[in-house]
Amino acid sequence: SWWDEARSRAGLSPEIATTLMLLPFAGFGISVVQVSSRAAVYARISPGLLGQVLATQSAFGSLAAVVPTFLAGALLDVLPVEAFLTALAAAAVGAAIFGYTAAGKLPQREQPPG
């Protein structure tokens, strides 16, 4: 097939080729989450603190990204790729379910009249 031919010409394993194919979707997903979460935070703070909040969110976001990266590398050294991806998918579904149920428990902002 064209997929196997392209993959073999590039010298990529099936796992790496599949990962590279899925990366744009993951990037889009994380962008949607970051933009919506920042918008929710910015709506609740005073304009004078926007710069400090942006810097703090960026710093903690970068710091938080290091741990999963090292954890994934360590787990891939001991687990087969299929088992790792299955566990990762299960964790993503669990996080989505948790986020969906937790979102209903957040205090709602009152809408201004008019």
PDB file of N, CA and C in Angstrom:
ATOM      1  N   SER A   1       0.835  -1.188   0.000  1.00  0.00           N
ATOM      2  CA  SER A   1       0.000   0.000   0.000  1.00  0.00           C
ATOM      3  C   SER A   1       0.878   1.250   0.000  1.00  0.00           C
ATOM      4  N   TRP A   2       0.264   2.387  -0.292  1.00  0.00           N
ATOM      5  CA  TRP A   2       1.022   3.636  -0.349  1.00  0.00           C
ATOM      6  C   TRP A   2       1.601   3.996   1.010  1.00  0.00           C
ATOM      7  N   TRP A   3       0.882   3.624   2.081  1.00  0.00           N
ATOM      8  CA  TRP A   3       1.347   3.936   3.433  1.00  0.00           C
ATOM      9  C   TRP A   3       2.631   3.175   3.748  1.00  0.00           C
ATOM     10  N   ASP A   4       2.638   1.885   3.451  1.00  0.00           N
ATOM     11  CA  ASP A   4       3.828   1.067   3.721  1.00  0.00           C
ATOM     12  C   ASP A   4       5.011   1.514   2.872  1.00  0.00           C
ATOM     13  N   GLU A   5       4.734   1.878   1.622  1.00  0.00           N
ATOM     14  CA  GLU A   5       5.812   2.330   0.747  1.00  0.00           C
ATOM     15  C   GLU A   5       6.405   3.651   1.239  1.00  0.00           C
ATOM     16  N   ALA A   6       5.547   4.582   1.617  1.00  0.00           N
ATOM     17  CA  ALA A   6       6.029   5.873   2.118  1.00  0.00           C
ATOM     18  C   ALA A   6       6.803   5.690   3.417  1.00  0.00           C
ATOM     19  N   ARG A   7       6.290   4.834   4.286  1.00  0.00           N
ATOM     20  CA  ARG A   7       6.949   4.593   5.569  1.00  0.00           C
ATOM     21  C   ARG A   7       8.319   3.956   5.364  1.00  0.00           C
ATOM     22  N   SER A   8       8.397   2.976   4.469  1.00  0.00           N
ATOM     23  CA  SER A   8       9.672   2.293   4.249  1.00  0.00           C
ATOM     24  C   SER A   8      10.682   3.218   3.570  1.00  0.00           C
ATOM     25  N   ARG A   9      10.213   4.097   2.654  1.00  0.00           N
ATOM     26  CA  ARG A   9      11.137   5.058   2.030  1.00  0.00           C
ATOM     27  C   ARG A   9      11.707   6.029   3.052  1.00  0.00           C
ATOM     28  N   ALA A  10      10.885   6.389   4.038  1.00  0.00           N
ATOM     29  CA  ALA A  10      11.350   7.304   5.080  1.00  0.00           C
ATOM     30  C   ALA A  10      12.177   6.579   6.136  1.00  0.00           C
ATOM     31  N   GLY A  11      12.128   5.247   6.138  1.00  0.00           N
ATOM     32  CA  GLY A  11      12.884   4.475   7.121  1.00  0.00           C
ATOM     33  C   GLY A  11      12.283   4.514   8.515  1.00  0.00           C
ATOM     34  N   LEU A  12      10.950   4.605   8.593  1.00  0.00           N
ATOM     35  CA  LEU A  12      10.275   4.707   9.884  1.00  0.00           C
ATOM     36  C   LEU A  12       9.607   3.399  10.261  1.00  0.00           C
ATOM     37  N   SER A  13       9.627   3.103  11.542  1.00  0.00           N
ATOM     38  CA  SER A  13       8.890   1.943  12.038  1.00  0.00           C
ATOM     39  C   SER A  13       7.402   2.275  12.023  1.00  0.00           C
ATOM     40  N   PRO A  14       6.525   1.272  12.070  1.00  0.00           N
ATOM     41  CA  PRO A  14       5.088   1.557  12.088  1.00  0.00           C
ATOM     42  C   PRO A  14       4.672   2.432  13.270  1.00  0.00           C
ATOM     43  N   GLU A  15       5.283   2.229  14.424  1.00  0.00           N
ATOM     44  CA  GLU A  15       4.929   3.001  15.607  1.00  0.00           C
ATOM     45  C   GLU A  15       5.280   4.478  15.439  1.00  0.00           C
ATOM     46  N   ILE A  16       6.482   4.746  14.936  1.00  0.00           N
ATOM     47  CA  ILE A  16       6.924   6.129  14.757  1.00  0.00           C
ATOM     48  C   ILE A  16       6.090   6.812  13.686  1.00  0.00           C
ATOM     49  N   ALA A  17       5.819   6.118  12.587  1.00  0.00           N
ATOM     50  CA  ALA A  17       5.015   6.705  11.518  1.00  0.00           C
ATOM     51  C   ALA A  17       3.607   7.036  12.000  1.00  0.00           C
ATOM     52  N   THR A  18       3.020   6.152  12.781  1.00  0.00           N
ATOM     53  CA  THR A  18       1.681   6.400  13.308  1.00  0.00           C
ATOM     54  C   THR A  18       1.697   7.585  14.274  1.00  0.00           C
ATOM     55  N   THR A  19       2.705   7.645  15.107  1.00  0.00           N
ATOM     56  CA  THR A  19       2.832   8.763  16.041  1.00  0.00           C
ATOM     57  C   THR A  19       2.955  10.085  15.294  1.00  0.00           C
ATOM     58  N   LEU A  20       3.779  10.106  14.268  1.00  0.00           N
ATOM     59  CA  LEU A  20       3.944  11.330  13.489  1.00  0.00           C
ATOM     60  C   LEU A  20       2.652  11.726  12.788  1.00  0.00           C
ATOM     61  N   MET A  21       1.865  10.745  12.384  1.00  0.00           N
ATOM     62  CA  MET A  21       0.602  11.043  11.732  1.00  0.00           C
ATOM     63  C   MET A  21      -0.414  11.633  12.716  1.00  0.00           C
ATOM     64  N   LEU A  22      -0.349  11.232  13.986  1.00  0.00           N
ATOM     65  CA  LEU A  22      -1.317  11.682  14.980  1.00  0.00           C
ATOM     66  C   LEU A  22      -0.906  12.968  15.699  1.00  0.00           C
ATOM     67  N   LEU A  23       0.344  13.381  15.579  1.00  0.00           N
ATOM     68  CA  LEU A  23       0.822  14.567  16.290  1.00  0.00           C
ATOM     69  C   LEU A  23       0.033  15.847  16.007  1.00  0.00           C
ATOM     70  N   PRO A  24      -0.338  16.130  14.762  1.00  0.00           N
ATOM     71  CA  PRO A  24      -1.107  17.368  14.541  1.00  0.00           C
ATOM     72  C   PRO A  24      -2.424  17.392  15.317  1.00  0.00           C
ATOM     73  N   PHE A  25      -3.083  16.249  15.434  1.00  0.00           N
ATOM     74  CA  PHE A  25      -4.340  16.207  16.176  1.00  0.00           C
ATOM     75  C   PHE A  25      -4.108  16.439  17.665  1.00  0.00           C
ATOM     76  N   ALA A  26      -3.036  15.885  18.198  1.00  0.00           N
ATOM     77  CA  ALA A  26      -2.707  16.116  19.606  1.00  0.00           C
ATOM     78  C   ALA A  26      -2.369  17.583  19.843  1.00  0.00           C
ATOM     79  N   GLY A  27      -1.615  18.181  18.927  1.00  0.00           N
ATOM     80  CA  GLY A  27      -1.278  19.598  19.054  1.00  0.00           C
ATOM     81  C   GLY A  27      -2.503  20.483  19.014  1.00  0.00           C
ATOM     82  N   PHE A  28      -3.433  20.174  18.114  1.00  0.00           N
ATOM     83  CA  PHE A  28      -4.670  20.948  18.043  1.00  0.00           C
ATOM     84  C   PHE A  28      -5.465  20.788  19.337  1.00  0.00           C
ATOM     85  N   GLY A  29      -5.548  19.569  19.849  1.00  0.00           N
ATOM     86  CA  GLY A  29      -6.305  19.314  21.077  1.00  0.00           C
ATOM     87  C   GLY A  29      -5.752  20.078  22.266  1.00  0.00           C
ATOM     88  N   ILE A  30      -4.439  20.060  22.426  1.00  0.00           N
ATOM     89  CA  ILE A  30      -3.857  20.762  23.571  1.00  0.00           C
ATOM     90  C   ILE A  30      -4.016  22.269  23.406  1.00  0.00           C
ATOM     91  N   SER A  31      -4.000  22.760  22.176  1.00  0.00           N
ATOM     92  CA  SER A  31      -4.228  24.190  21.954  1.00  0.00           C
ATOM     93  C   SER A  31      -5.635  24.593  22.365  1.00  0.00           C
ATOM     94  N   VAL A  32      -6.611  23.775  22.025  1.00  0.00           N
ATOM     95  CA  VAL A  32      -7.993  24.075  22.405  1.00  0.00           C
ATOM     96  C   VAL A  32      -8.127  24.111  23.921  1.00  0.00           C
ATOM     97  N   VAL A  33      -7.512  23.155  24.589  1.00  0.00           N
ATOM     98  CA  VAL A  33      -7.599  23.105  26.049  1.00  0.00           C
ATOM     99  C   VAL A  33      -6.908  24.307  26.672  1.00  0.00           C
ATOM    100  N   GLN A  34      -5.724  24.644  26.195  1.00  0.00           N
ATOM    101  CA  GLN A  34      -4.994  25.767  26.779  1.00  0.00           C
ATOM    102  C   GLN A  34      -5.709  27.093  26.552  1.00  0.00           C
ATOM    103  N   VAL A  35      -6.217  27.314  25.358  1.00  0.00           N
ATOM    104  CA  VAL A  35      -6.890  28.583  25.068  1.00  0.00           C
ATOM    105  C   VAL A  35      -8.150  28.720  25.906  1.00  0.00           C
ATOM    106  N   SER A  36      -8.945  27.664  25.980  1.00  0.00           N
ATOM    107  CA  SER A  36     -10.190  27.767  26.751  1.00  0.00           C
ATOM    108  C   SER A  36      -9.918  27.907  28.241  1.00  0.00           C
ATOM    109  N   SER A  37      -8.898  27.208  28.757  1.00  0.00           N
ATOM    110  CA  SER A  37      -8.615  27.337  30.189  1.00  0.00           C
ATOM    111  C   SER A  37      -8.057  28.723  30.514  1.00  0.00           C
ATOM    112  N   ARG A  38      -7.222  29.260  29.639  1.00  0.00           N
ATOM    113  CA  ARG A  38      -6.698  30.610  29.881  1.00  0.00           C
ATOM    114  C   ARG A  38      -7.810  31.640  29.802  1.00  0.00           C
ATOM    115  N   ALA A  39      -8.715  31.473  28.862  1.00  0.00           N
ATOM    116  CA  ALA A  39      -9.832  32.419  28.749  1.00  0.00           C
ATOM    117  C   ALA A  39     -10.686  32.397  30.011  1.00  0.00           C
ATOM    118  N   ALA A  40     -10.906  31.208  30.570  1.00  0.00           N
ATOM    119  CA  ALA A  40     -11.696  31.096  31.796  1.00  0.00           C
ATOM    120  C   ALA A  40     -10.991  31.785  32.963  1.00  0.00           C
ATOM    121  N   VAL A  41      -9.675  31.639  33.041  1.00  0.00           N
ATOM    122  CA  VAL A  41      -8.921  32.282  34.132  1.00  0.00           C
ATOM    123  C   VAL A  41      -8.889  33.793  33.926  1.00  0.00           C
ATOM    124  N   TYR A  42      -8.630  34.241  32.701  1.00  0.00           N
ATOM    125  CA  TYR A  42      -8.516  35.672  32.442  1.00  0.00           C
ATOM    126  C   TYR A  42      -9.821  36.407  32.693  1.00  0.00           C
ATOM    127  N   ALA A  43     -10.931  35.738  32.526  1.00  0.00           N
ATOM    128  CA  ALA A  43     -12.228  36.381  32.754  1.00  0.00           C
ATOM    129  C   ALA A  43     -12.457  36.675  34.226  1.00  0.00           C
ATOM    130  N   ARG A  44     -11.688  36.050  35.099  1.00  0.00           N
ATOM    131  CA  ARG A  44     -11.918  36.184  36.538  1.00  0.00           C
ATOM    132  C   ARG A  44     -10.866  37.017  37.267  1.00  0.00           C
ATOM    133  N   ILE A  45      -9.887  37.567  36.544  1.00  0.00           N
ATOM    134  CA  ILE A  45      -8.834  38.330  37.216  1.00  0.00           C
ATOM    135  C   ILE A  45      -8.853  39.779  36.736  1.00  0.00           C
ATOM    136  N   SER A  46      -8.216  40.628  37.521  1.00  0.00           N
ATOM    137  CA  SER A  46      -8.170  42.040  37.151  1.00  0.00           C
ATOM    138  C   SER A  46      -7.167  42.249  36.015  1.00  0.00           C
ATOM    139  N   PRO A  47      -7.398  43.240  35.173  1.00  0.00           N
ATOM    140  CA  PRO A  47      -6.519  43.476  34.027  1.00  0.00           C
ATOM    141  C   PRO A  47      -5.059  43.738  34.406  1.00  0.00           C
ATOM    142  N   GLY A  48      -4.816  44.269  35.587  1.00  0.00           N
ATOM    143  CA  GLY A  48      -3.450  44.547  36.003  1.00  0.00           C
ATOM    144  C   GLY A  48      -2.613  43.306  36.281  1.00  0.00           C
ATOM    145  N   LEU A  49      -3.267  42.188  36.457  1.00  0.00           N
ATOM    146  CA  LEU A  49      -2.548  40.945  36.763  1.00  0.00           C
ATOM    147  C   LEU A  49      -2.397  40.013  35.564  1.00  0.00           C
ATOM    148  N   LEU A  50      -2.886  40.408  34.392  1.00  0.00           N
ATOM    149  CA  LEU A  50      -2.864  39.513  33.234  1.00  0.00           C
ATOM    150  C   LEU A  50      -1.454  39.037  32.880  1.00  0.00           C
ATOM    151  N   GLY A  51      -0.487  39.945  32.888  1.00  0.00           N
ATOM    152  CA  GLY A  51       0.885  39.572  32.539  1.00  0.00           C
ATOM    153  C   GLY A  51       1.482  38.571  33.511  1.00  0.00           C
ATOM    154  N   GLN A  52       1.264  38.802  34.795  1.00  0.00           N
ATOM    155  CA  GLN A  52       1.789  37.888  35.814  1.00  0.00           C
ATOM    156  C   GLN A  52       1.130  36.516  35.711  1.00  0.00           C
ATOM    157  N   VAL A  53      -0.173  36.502  35.465  1.00  0.00           N
ATOM    158  CA  VAL A  53      -0.883  35.232  35.354  1.00  0.00           C
ATOM    159  C   VAL A  53      -0.421  34.470  34.117  1.00  0.00           C
ATOM    160  N   LEU A  54      -0.249  35.162  32.993  1.00  0.00           N
ATOM    161  CA  LEU A  54       0.233  34.518  31.777  1.00  0.00           C
ATOM    162  C   LEU A  54       1.620  33.912  31.999  1.00  0.00           C
ATOM    163  N   ALA A  55       2.512  34.660  32.619  1.00  0.00           N
ATOM    164  CA  ALA A  55       3.866  34.160  32.871  1.00  0.00           C
ATOM    165  C   ALA A  55       3.843  32.952  33.804  1.00  0.00           C
ATOM    166  N   THR A  56       3.025  33.013  34.838  1.00  0.00           N
ATOM    167  CA  THR A  56       2.941  31.894  35.785  1.00  0.00           C
ATOM    168  C   THR A  56       2.363  30.655  35.116  1.00  0.00           C
ATOM    169  N   GLN A  57       1.295  30.835  34.321  1.00  0.00           N
ATOM    170  CA  GLN A  57       0.709  29.691  33.624  1.00  0.00           C
ATOM    171  C   GLN A  57       1.708  29.066  32.649  1.00  0.00           C
ATOM    172  N   SER A  58       2.446  29.900  31.940  1.00  0.00           N
ATOM    173  CA  SER A  58       3.424  29.386  30.982  1.00  0.00           C
ATOM    174  C   SER A  58       4.541  28.624  31.682  1.00  0.00           C
ATOM    175  N   ALA A  59       5.041  29.173  32.776  1.00  0.00           N
ATOM    176  CA  ALA A  59       6.127  28.518  33.508  1.00  0.00           C
ATOM    177  C   ALA A  59       5.683  27.174  34.088  1.00  0.00           C
ATOM    178  N   PHE A  60       4.513  27.150  34.725  1.00  0.00           N
ATOM    179  CA  PHE A  60       4.033  25.895  35.303  1.00  0.00           C
ATOM    180  C   PHE A  60       3.659  24.889  34.224  1.00  0.00           C
ATOM    181  N   GLY A  61       3.137  25.356  33.092  1.00  0.00           N
ATOM    182  CA  GLY A  61       2.824  24.452  31.990  1.00  0.00           C
ATOM    183  C   GLY A  61       4.064  23.785  31.435  1.00  0.00           C
ATOM    184  N   SER A  62       5.127  24.559  31.262  1.00  0.00           N
ATOM    185  CA  SER A  62       6.395  23.988  30.775  1.00  0.00           C
ATOM    186  C   SER A  62       6.985  23.012  31.786  1.00  0.00           C
ATOM    187  N   LEU A  63       6.916  23.375  33.048  1.00  0.00           N
ATOM    188  CA  LEU A  63       7.437  22.503  34.101  1.00  0.00           C
ATOM    189  C   LEU A  63       6.636  21.199  34.182  1.00  0.00           C
ATOM    190  N   ALA A  64       5.326  21.316  34.061  1.00  0.00           N
ATOM    191  CA  ALA A  64       4.475  20.130  34.161  1.00  0.00           C
ATOM    192  C   ALA A  64       4.648  19.205  32.965  1.00  0.00           C
ATOM    193  N   ALA A  65       5.089  19.706  31.829  1.00  0.00           N
ATOM    194  CA  ALA A  65       5.261  18.870  30.641  1.00  0.00           C
ATOM    195  C   ALA A  65       6.499  17.973  30.744  1.00  0.00           C
ATOM    196  N   VAL A  66       7.442  18.317  31.605  1.00  0.00           N
ATOM    197  CA  VAL A  66       8.676  17.542  31.711  1.00  0.00           C
ATOM    198  C   VAL A  66       8.421  16.168  32.342  1.00  0.00           C
ATOM    199  N   VAL A  67       7.627  16.121  33.374  1.00  0.00           N
ATOM    200  CA  VAL A  67       7.394  14.870  34.098  1.00  0.00           C
ATOM    201  C   VAL A  67       6.750  13.805  33.210  1.00  0.00           C
ATOM    202  N   PRO A  68       5.653  14.104  32.495  1.00  0.00           N
ATOM    203  CA  PRO A  68       5.081  13.064  31.634  1.00  0.00           C
ATOM    204  C   PRO A  68       6.023  12.610  30.521  1.00  0.00           C
ATOM    205  N   THR A  69       6.851  13.516  30.035  1.00  0.00           N
ATOM    206  CA  THR A  69       7.792  13.142  28.980  1.00  0.00           C
ATOM    207  C   THR A  69       8.794  12.117  29.492  1.00  0.00           C
ATOM    208  N   PHE A  70       9.381  12.357  30.646  1.00  0.00           N
ATOM    209  CA  PHE A  70      10.329  11.399  31.214  1.00  0.00           C
ATOM    210  C   PHE A  70       9.638  10.103  31.625  1.00  0.00           C
ATOM    211  N   LEU A  71       8.427  10.206  32.157  1.00  0.00           N
ATOM    212  CA  LEU A  71       7.675   9.020  32.542  1.00  0.00           C
ATOM    213  C   LEU A  71       7.360   8.157  31.326  1.00  0.00           C
ATOM    214  N   ALA A  72       6.958   8.786  30.234  1.00  0.00           N
ATOM    215  CA  ALA A  72       6.670   8.029  29.009  1.00  0.00           C
ATOM    216  C   ALA A  72       7.925   7.329  28.500  1.00  0.00           C
ATOM    217  N   GLY A  73       9.041   8.014  28.523  1.00  0.00           N
ATOM    218  CA  GLY A  73      10.297   7.392  28.087  1.00  0.00           C
ATOM    219  C   GLY A  73      10.675   6.200  28.946  1.00  0.00           C
ATOM    220  N   ALA A  74      10.515   6.338  30.258  1.00  0.00           N
ATOM    221  CA  ALA A  74      10.851   5.229  31.164  1.00  0.00           C
ATOM    222  C   ALA A  74       9.901   4.049  30.966  1.00  0.00           C
ATOM    223  N   LEU A  75       8.611   4.342  30.804  1.00  0.00           N
ATOM    224  CA  LEU A  75       7.650   3.253  30.606  1.00  0.00           C
ATOM    225  C   LEU A  75       7.858   2.534  29.274  1.00  0.00           C
ATOM    226  N   LEU A  76       8.234   3.277  28.240  1.00  0.00           N
ATOM    227  CA  LEU A  76       8.465   2.642  26.944  1.00  0.00           C
ATOM    228  C   LEU A  76       9.704   1.762  26.948  1.00  0.00           C
ATOM    229  N   ASP A  77      10.602   1.968  27.910  1.00  0.00           N
ATOM    230  CA  ASP A  77      11.760   1.085  28.034  1.00  0.00           C
ATOM    231  C   ASP A  77      11.378  -0.274  28.596  1.00  0.00           C
ATOM    232  N   VAL A  78      10.271  -0.348  29.334  1.00  0.00           N
ATOM    233  CA  VAL A  78       9.889  -1.615  29.975  1.00  0.00           C
ATOM    234  C   VAL A  78       8.608  -2.222  29.423  1.00  0.00           C
ATOM    235  N   LEU A  79       7.778  -1.429  28.747  1.00  0.00           N
ATOM    236  CA  LEU A  79       6.511  -1.924  28.206  1.00  0.00           C
ATOM    237  C   LEU A  79       6.568  -1.991  26.688  1.00  0.00           C
ATOM    238  N   PRO A  80       5.832  -2.924  26.103  1.00  0.00           N
ATOM    239  CA  PRO A  80       5.694  -2.878  24.647  1.00  0.00           C
ATOM    240  C   PRO A  80       4.878  -1.648  24.232  1.00  0.00           C
ATOM    241  N   VAL A  81       5.091  -1.196  23.015  1.00  0.00           N
ATOM    242  CA  VAL A  81       4.437   0.019  22.547  1.00  0.00           C
ATOM    243  C   VAL A  81       2.920  -0.107  22.616  1.00  0.00           C
ATOM    244  N   GLU A  82       2.377  -1.251  22.228  1.00  0.00           N
ATOM    245  CA  GLU A  82       0.925  -1.438  22.230  1.00  0.00           C
ATOM    246  C   GLU A  82       0.353  -1.308  23.635  1.00  0.00           C
ATOM    247  N   ALA A  83       1.019  -1.888  24.621  1.00  0.00           N
ATOM    248  CA  ALA A  83       0.545  -1.807  26.003  1.00  0.00           C
ATOM    249  C   ALA A  83       0.619  -0.368  26.509  1.00  0.00           C
ATOM    250  N   PHE A  84       1.676   0.336  26.159  1.00  0.00           N
ATOM    251  CA  PHE A  84       1.817   1.726  26.582  1.00  0.00           C
ATOM    252  C   PHE A  84       0.718   2.600  25.979  1.00  0.00           C
ATOM    253  N   LEU A  85       0.474   2.434  24.661  1.00  0.00           N
ATOM    254  CA  LEU A  85      -0.553   3.244  24.012  1.00  0.00           C
ATOM    255  C   LEU A  85      -1.945   2.922  24.533  1.00  0.00           C
ATOM    256  N   THR A  86      -2.189   1.659  24.880  1.00  0.00           N
ATOM    257  CA  THR A  86      -3.478   1.286  25.462  1.00  0.00           C
ATOM    258  C   THR A  86      -3.654   1.946  26.828  1.00  0.00           C
ATOM    259  N   ALA A  87      -2.607   1.907  27.645  1.00  0.00           N
ATOM    260  CA  ALA A  87      -2.674   2.545  28.961  1.00  0.00           C
ATOM    261  C   ALA A  87      -2.841   4.057  28.819  1.00  0.00           C
ATOM    262  N   LEU A  88      -2.175   4.648  27.854  1.00  0.00           N
ATOM    263  CA  LEU A  88      -2.286   6.083  27.617  1.00  0.00           C
ATOM    264  C   LEU A  88      -3.708   6.452  27.182  1.00  0.00           C
ATOM    265  N   ALA A  89      -4.295   5.649  26.318  1.00  0.00           N
ATOM    266  CA  ALA A  89      -5.676   5.903  25.881  1.00  0.00           C
ATOM    267  C   ALA A  89      -6.645   5.774  27.052  1.00  0.00           C
ATOM    268  N   ALA A  90      -6.446   4.763  27.888  1.00  0.00           N
ATOM    269  CA  ALA A  90      -7.318   4.583  29.051  1.00  0.00           C
ATOM    270  C   ALA A  90      -7.186   5.770  30.010  1.00  0.00           C
ATOM    271  N   ALA A  91      -5.975   6.256  30.203  1.00  0.00           N
ATOM    272  CA  ALA A  91      -5.767   7.415  31.073  1.00  0.00           C
ATOM    273  C   ALA A  91      -6.426   8.663  30.485  1.00  0.00           C
ATOM    274  N   ALA A  92      -6.362   8.835  29.165  1.00  0.00           N
ATOM    275  CA  ALA A  92      -6.992   9.991  28.529  1.00  0.00           C
ATOM    276  C   ALA A  92      -8.509   9.937  28.672  1.00  0.00           C
ATOM    277  N   VAL A  93      -9.088   8.753  28.491  1.00  0.00           N
ATOM    278  CA  VAL A  93     -10.536   8.612  28.661  1.00  0.00           C
ATOM    279  C   VAL A  93     -10.927   8.881  30.112  1.00  0.00           C
ATOM    280  N   GLY A  94     -10.142   8.359  31.057  1.00  0.00           N
ATOM    281  CA  GLY A  94     -10.412   8.607  32.473  1.00  0.00           C
ATOM    282  C   GLY A  94     -10.329  10.090  32.818  1.00  0.00           C
ATOM    283  N   ALA A  95      -9.334  10.778  32.274  1.00  0.00           N
ATOM    284  CA  ALA A  95      -9.193  12.212  32.524  1.00  0.00           C
ATOM    285  C   ALA A  95     -10.355  12.992  31.913  1.00  0.00           C
ATOM    286  N   ALA A  96     -10.811  12.564  30.740  1.00  0.00           N
ATOM    287  CA  ALA A  96     -11.947  13.243  30.100  1.00  0.00           C
ATOM    288  C   ALA A  96     -13.219  13.055  30.923  1.00  0.00           C
ATOM    289  N   ILE A  97     -13.435  11.849  31.418  1.00  0.00           N
ATOM    290  CA  ILE A  97     -14.617  11.590  32.247  1.00  0.00           C
ATOM    291  C   ILE A  97     -14.551  12.407  33.539  1.00  0.00           C
ATOM    292  N   PHE A  98     -13.379  12.432  34.158  1.00  0.00           N
ATOM    293  CA  PHE A  98     -13.209  13.222  35.376  1.00  0.00           C
ATOM    294  C   PHE A  98     -13.467  14.699  35.104  1.00  0.00           C
ATOM    295  N   GLY A  99     -12.893  15.220  34.021  1.00  0.00           N
ATOM    296  CA  GLY A  99     -13.084  16.628  33.685  1.00  0.00           C
ATOM    297  C   GLY A  99     -14.538  16.958  33.404  1.00  0.00           C
ATOM    298  N   TYR A 100     -15.229  16.051  32.726  1.00  0.00           N
ATOM    299  CA  TYR A 100     -16.639  16.283  32.416  1.00  0.00           C
ATOM    300  C   TYR A 100     -17.485  16.310  33.681  1.00  0.00           C
ATOM    301  N   THR A 101     -17.221  15.386  34.596  1.00  0.00           N
ATOM    302  CA  THR A 101     -18.011  15.352  35.827  1.00  0.00           C
ATOM    303  C   THR A 101     -17.618  16.492  36.761  1.00  0.00           C
ATOM    304  N   ALA A 102     -16.352  16.869  36.796  1.00  0.00           N
ATOM    305  CA  ALA A 102     -15.913  17.957  37.667  1.00  0.00           C
ATOM    306  C   ALA A 102     -16.411  19.307  37.162  1.00  0.00           C
ATOM    307  N   ALA A 103     -16.590  19.440  35.863  1.00  0.00           N
ATOM    308  CA  ALA A 103     -17.029  20.721  35.305  1.00  0.00           C
ATOM    309  C   ALA A 103     -18.421  21.096  35.800  1.00  0.00           C
ATOM    310  N   GLY A 104     -19.260  20.133  36.081  1.00  0.00           N
ATOM    311  CA  GLY A 104     -20.589  20.424  36.583  1.00  0.00           C
ATOM    312  C   GLY A 104     -20.587  20.907  38.018  1.00  0.00           C
ATOM    313  N   LYS A 105     -19.485  20.700  38.727  1.00  0.00           N
ATOM    314  CA  LYS A 105     -19.394  21.089  40.126  1.00  0.00           C
ATOM    315  C   LYS A 105     -18.752  22.461  40.321  1.00  0.00           C
ATOM    316  N   LEU A 106     -18.298  23.099  39.230  1.00  0.00           N
ATOM    317  CA  LEU A 106     -17.654  24.398  39.340  1.00  0.00           C
ATOM    318  C   LEU A 106     -18.700  25.484  39.566  1.00  0.00           C
ATOM    319  N   PRO A 107     -18.353  26.510  40.338  1.00  0.00           N
ATOM    320  CA  PRO A 107     -19.302  27.615  40.505  1.00  0.00           C
ATOM    321  C   PRO A 107     -19.491  28.334  39.176  1.00  0.00           C
ATOM    322  N   GLN A 108     -20.724  28.644  38.861  1.00  0.00           N
ATOM    323  CA  GLN A 108     -21.052  29.306  37.599  1.00  0.00           C
ATOM    324  C   GLN A 108     -21.080  30.812  37.801  1.00  0.00           C
ATOM    325  N   ARG A 109     -20.548  31.542  36.834  1.00  0.00           N
ATOM    326  CA  ARG A 109     -20.595  33.009  36.872  1.00  0.00           C
ATOM    327  C   ARG A 109     -21.982  33.484  36.522  1.00  0.00           C
ATOM    328  N   GLU A 110     -22.402  34.514  37.206  1.00  0.00           N
ATOM    329  CA  GLU A 110     -23.690  35.106  36.868  1.00  0.00           C
ATOM    330  C   GLU A 110     -23.537  35.934  35.609  1.00  0.00           C
ATOM    331  N   GLN A 111     -24.522  35.812  34.729  1.00  0.00           N
ATOM    332  CA  GLN A 111     -24.513  36.595  33.501  1.00  0.00           C
ATOM    333  C   GLN A 111     -25.076  37.988  33.785  1.00  0.00           C
ATOM    334  N   PRO A 112     -24.441  39.017  33.245  1.00  0.00           N
ATOM    335  CA  PRO A 112     -24.969  40.371  33.462  1.00  0.00           C
ATOM    336  C   PRO A 112     -26.325  40.516  32.771  1.00  0.00           C
ATOM    337  N   PRO A 113     -27.212  41.297  33.363  1.00  0.00           N
ATOM    338  CA  PRO A 113     -28.526  41.471  32.722  1.00  0.00           C
ATOM    339  C   PRO A 113     -28.401  42.209  31.402  1.00  0.00           C
ATOM    340  N   GLY A 114     -29.271  41.866  30.479  1.00  0.00           N
ATOM    341  CA  GLY A 114     -29.299  42.610  29.232  1.00  0.00           C
ATOM    342  C   GLY A 114     -28.985  41.778  28.111  1.00  0.00           C
TER     343      GLY A 114
END
